[in-house]
Amino acid sequence: MRKHQIENAAYEVATQVRAVEDSIDAALAEIAELHARIMRVNSVARAGFGTVHPVLEELAAAVTGLVGARGSVVGCHTALAEAKGKVPGLRTVSFGEGNDCPDQKTGFTDLRIVA
């Protein structure tokens, strides 16, 4: 029962990490779209070159912050993967001589289905 609770908790954390990663990527895509729209509006309005420059600088700062946050979440993801090996119930257990699993195409050719 405890192992099941640990596995469920780990799954919830993994799911949340993926959701955060997806949210950051979506925000970066939205900022890129916003940037393109601002440039189109500036072109259509034939506003001066410096008119939207402060806006673009702020967007660039937002992108820089999000890219930094994305890198931090990647680091978090890596740290969680390493920590997984230290949590009882989540560690990979191996039996036998430590060899890799047999190839799925050729490793089971000796087995036959008997009806």
C-alpha atoms as a PDB file:
ATOM      1  CA  MET A   1       0.000   0.000   0.000  1.00  0.00           C
ATOM      2  CA  ARG A   2       2.790   2.426   0.894  1.00  0.00           C
ATOM      3  CA  LYS A   3       4.578   1.688  -2.382  1.00  0.00           C
ATOM      4  CA  HIS A   4       1.372   2.473  -4.266  1.00  0.00           C
ATOM      5  CA  GLN A   5       1.055   5.809  -2.424  1.00  0.00           C
ATOM      6  CA  ILE A   6       4.677   6.672  -3.249  1.00  0.00           C
ATOM      7  CA  GLU A   7       4.154   5.784  -6.918  1.00  0.00           C
ATOM      8  CA  ASN A   8       0.971   7.881  -7.079  1.00  0.00           C
ATOM      9  CA  ALA A   9       2.672  10.861  -5.439  1.00  0.00           C
ATOM     10  CA  ALA A  10       5.625  10.587  -7.842  1.00  0.00           C
ATOM     11  CA  TYR A  11       3.244  10.371 -10.793  1.00  0.00           C
ATOM     12  CA  GLU A  12       1.442  13.516  -9.632  1.00  0.00           C
ATOM     13  CA  VAL A  13       4.753  15.373  -9.317  1.00  0.00           C
ATOM     14  CA  ALA A  14       5.851  14.193 -12.772  1.00  0.00           C
ATOM     15  CA  THR A  15       2.521  15.249 -14.262  1.00  0.00           C
ATOM     16  CA  GLN A  16       2.789  18.683 -12.638  1.00  0.00           C
ATOM     17  CA  VAL A  17       6.373  19.161 -13.872  1.00  0.00           C
ATOM     18  CA  ARG A  18       5.209  18.396 -17.416  1.00  0.00           C
ATOM     19  CA  ALA A  19       2.309  20.833 -17.040  1.00  0.00           C
ATOM     20  CA  VAL A  20       4.683  23.587 -15.887  1.00  0.00           C
ATOM     21  CA  GLU A  21       7.024  22.869 -18.814  1.00  0.00           C
ATOM     22  CA  ASP A  22       4.103  23.030 -21.236  1.00  0.00           C
ATOM     23  CA  SER A  23       2.876  26.292 -19.677  1.00  0.00           C
ATOM     24  CA  ILE A  24       6.253  27.968 -20.065  1.00  0.00           C
ATOM     25  CA  ASP A  25       6.535  26.812 -23.673  1.00  0.00           C
ATOM     26  CA  ALA A  26       3.011  28.079 -24.376  1.00  0.00           C
ATOM     27  CA  ALA A  27       3.847  31.445 -22.799  1.00  0.00           C
ATOM     28  CA  LEU A  28       6.971  31.731 -24.956  1.00  0.00           C
ATOM     29  CA  ALA A  29       4.908  30.978 -28.060  1.00  0.00           C
ATOM     30  CA  GLU A  30       2.281  33.552 -27.054  1.00  0.00           C
ATOM     31  CA  ILE A  31       4.951  36.210 -26.533  1.00  0.00           C
ATOM     32  CA  ALA A  32       6.400  35.441 -29.967  1.00  0.00           C
ATOM     33  CA  GLU A  33       2.934  35.847 -31.485  1.00  0.00           C
ATOM     34  CA  LEU A  34       2.407  39.097 -29.587  1.00  0.00           C
ATOM     35  CA  HIS A  35       5.752  40.367 -30.845  1.00  0.00           C
ATOM     36  CA  ALA A  36       4.790  39.586 -34.443  1.00  0.00           C
ATOM     37  CA  ARG A  37       1.411  41.319 -34.057  1.00  0.00           C
ATOM     38  CA  ILE A  38       2.996  44.417 -32.590  1.00  0.00           C
ATOM     39  CA  MET A  39       5.401  44.563 -35.510  1.00  0.00           C
ATOM     40  CA  ARG A  40       2.509  44.185 -38.010  1.00  0.00           C
ATOM     41  CA  VAL A  41       0.468  46.908 -36.311  1.00  0.00           C
ATOM     42  CA  ASN A  42       3.472  49.197 -36.250  1.00  0.00           C
ATOM     43  CA  SER A  43       4.024  48.579 -39.957  1.00  0.00           C
ATOM     44  CA  VAL A  44       0.364  49.103 -40.898  1.00  0.00           C
ATOM     45  CA  ALA A  45       0.109  52.251 -38.786  1.00  0.00           C
ATOM     46  CA  ARG A  46       3.398  53.507 -40.234  1.00  0.00           C
ATOM     47  CA  ALA A  47       4.339  54.637 -36.755  1.00  0.00           C
ATOM     48  CA  GLY A  48       7.889  55.727 -36.135  1.00  0.00           C
ATOM     49  CA  PHE A  49      10.642  53.196 -35.620  1.00  0.00           C
ATOM     50  CA  GLY A  50      11.076  54.226 -31.992  1.00  0.00           C
ATOM     51  CA  THR A  51       7.379  54.102 -31.173  1.00  0.00           C
ATOM     52  CA  VAL A  52       7.273  50.414 -30.250  1.00  0.00           C
ATOM     53  CA  HIS A  53      10.916  50.062 -29.268  1.00  0.00           C
ATOM     54  CA  PRO A  54      10.239  50.309 -25.493  1.00  0.00           C
ATOM     55  CA  VAL A  55       7.513  47.682 -25.881  1.00  0.00           C
ATOM     56  CA  LEU A  56       9.912  45.342 -27.697  1.00  0.00           C
ATOM     57  CA  GLU A  57      12.526  45.820 -24.980  1.00  0.00           C
ATOM     58  CA  GLU A  58       9.986  44.824 -22.325  1.00  0.00           C
ATOM     59  CA  LEU A  59       8.949  41.771 -24.343  1.00  0.00           C
ATOM     60  CA  ALA A  60      12.594  40.804 -24.758  1.00  0.00           C
ATOM     61  CA  ALA A  61      13.040  41.026 -20.981  1.00  0.00           C
ATOM     62  CA  ALA A  62       9.971  38.823 -20.505  1.00  0.00           C
ATOM     63  CA  VAL A  63      11.349  36.252 -22.955  1.00  0.00           C
ATOM     64  CA  THR A  64      14.719  36.286 -21.213  1.00  0.00           C
ATOM     65  CA  GLY A  65      13.013  35.691 -17.868  1.00  0.00           C
ATOM     66  CA  LEU A  66      10.899  32.858 -19.247  1.00  0.00           C
ATOM     67  CA  VAL A  67      13.868  31.200 -20.925  1.00  0.00           C
ATOM     68  CA  GLY A  68      15.712  31.373 -17.596  1.00  0.00           C
ATOM     69  CA  ALA A  69      12.694  29.905 -15.816  1.00  0.00           C
ATOM     70  CA  ARG A  70      12.507  27.169 -18.446  1.00  0.00           C
ATOM     71  CA  GLY A  71      16.140  26.280 -17.790  1.00  0.00           C
ATOM     72  CA  SER A  72      15.485  26.168 -14.060  1.00  0.00           C
ATOM     73  CA  VAL A  73      12.549  23.811 -14.558  1.00  0.00           C
ATOM     74  CA  VAL A  74      14.757  21.605 -16.738  1.00  0.00           C
ATOM     75  CA  GLY A  75      17.257  21.541 -13.858  1.00  0.00           C
ATOM     76  CA  CYS A  76      14.442  20.682 -11.467  1.00  0.00           C
ATOM     77  CA  HIS A  77      13.338  17.865 -13.764  1.00  0.00           C
ATOM     78  CA  THR A  78      16.891  16.489 -13.834  1.00  0.00           C
ATOM     79  CA  ALA A  79      17.205  16.733 -10.046  1.00  0.00           C
ATOM     80  CA  LEU A  80      13.888  14.918  -9.602  1.00  0.00           C
ATOM     81  CA  ALA A  81      15.044  12.141 -11.916  1.00  0.00           C
ATOM     82  CA  GLU A  82      18.201  11.743  -9.818  1.00  0.00           C
ATOM     83  CA  ALA A  83      16.242  11.871  -6.553  1.00  0.00           C
ATOM     84  CA  LYS A  84      13.941   9.133  -7.838  1.00  0.00           C
ATOM     85  CA  GLY A  85      16.800   6.664  -7.459  1.00  0.00           C
ATOM     86  CA  LYS A  86      17.029   7.447  -3.736  1.00  0.00           C
ATOM     87  CA  VAL A  87      13.362   6.984  -2.896  1.00  0.00           C
ATOM     88  CA  PRO A  88      12.348   3.498  -1.777  1.00  0.00           C
ATOM     89  CA  GLY A  89       9.617   2.207  -4.044  1.00  0.00           C
ATOM     90  CA  LEU A  90      10.780   4.232  -7.044  1.00  0.00           C
ATOM     91  CA  ARG A  91      14.248   2.776  -7.507  1.00  0.00           C
ATOM     92  CA  THR A  92      14.994   0.494 -10.423  1.00  0.00           C
ATOM     93  CA  VAL A  93      15.630  -3.042  -9.256  1.00  0.00           C
ATOM     94  CA  SER A  94      17.592  -5.559 -11.282  1.00  0.00           C
ATOM     95  CA  PHE A  95      17.819  -9.307 -10.914  1.00  0.00           C
ATOM     96  CA  GLY A  96      20.181 -11.649 -12.678  1.00  0.00           C
ATOM     97  CA  GLU A  97      23.600 -10.916 -14.074  1.00  0.00           C
ATOM     98  CA  GLY A  98      22.949  -7.295 -14.905  1.00  0.00           C
ATOM     99  CA  ASN A  99      22.700  -7.844 -18.645  1.00  0.00           C
ATOM    100  CA  ASP A 100      20.389  -5.752 -20.764  1.00  0.00           C
ATOM    101  CA  CYS A 101      16.949  -7.064 -21.558  1.00  0.00           C
ATOM    102  CA  PRO A 102      16.836  -9.303 -24.626  1.00  0.00           C
ATOM    103  CA  ASP A 103      15.941  -7.748 -27.940  1.00  0.00           C
ATOM    104  CA  GLN A 104      12.160  -7.853 -28.301  1.00  0.00           C
ATOM    105  CA  LYS A 105      12.357  -9.079 -31.895  1.00  0.00           C
ATOM    106  CA  THR A 106      14.836 -11.892 -31.381  1.00  0.00           C
ATOM    107  CA  GLY A 107      14.870 -12.467 -27.624  1.00  0.00           C
ATOM    108  CA  PHE A 108      11.667 -14.458 -27.530  1.00  0.00           C
ATOM    109  CA  THR A 109      11.984 -16.534 -30.680  1.00  0.00           C
ATOM    110  CA  ASP A 110      12.118 -19.752 -28.649  1.00  0.00           C
ATOM    111  CA  LEU A 111       8.657 -19.168 -27.209  1.00  0.00           C
ATOM    112  CA  ARG A 112       5.670 -20.640 -28.926  1.00  0.00           C
ATOM    113  CA  ILE A 113       2.012 -19.966 -28.332  1.00  0.00           C
ATOM    114  CA  VAL A 114       0.232 -23.165 -27.416  1.00  0.00           C
ATOM    115  CA  ALA A 115      -3.533 -23.353 -27.527  1.00  0.00           C
END
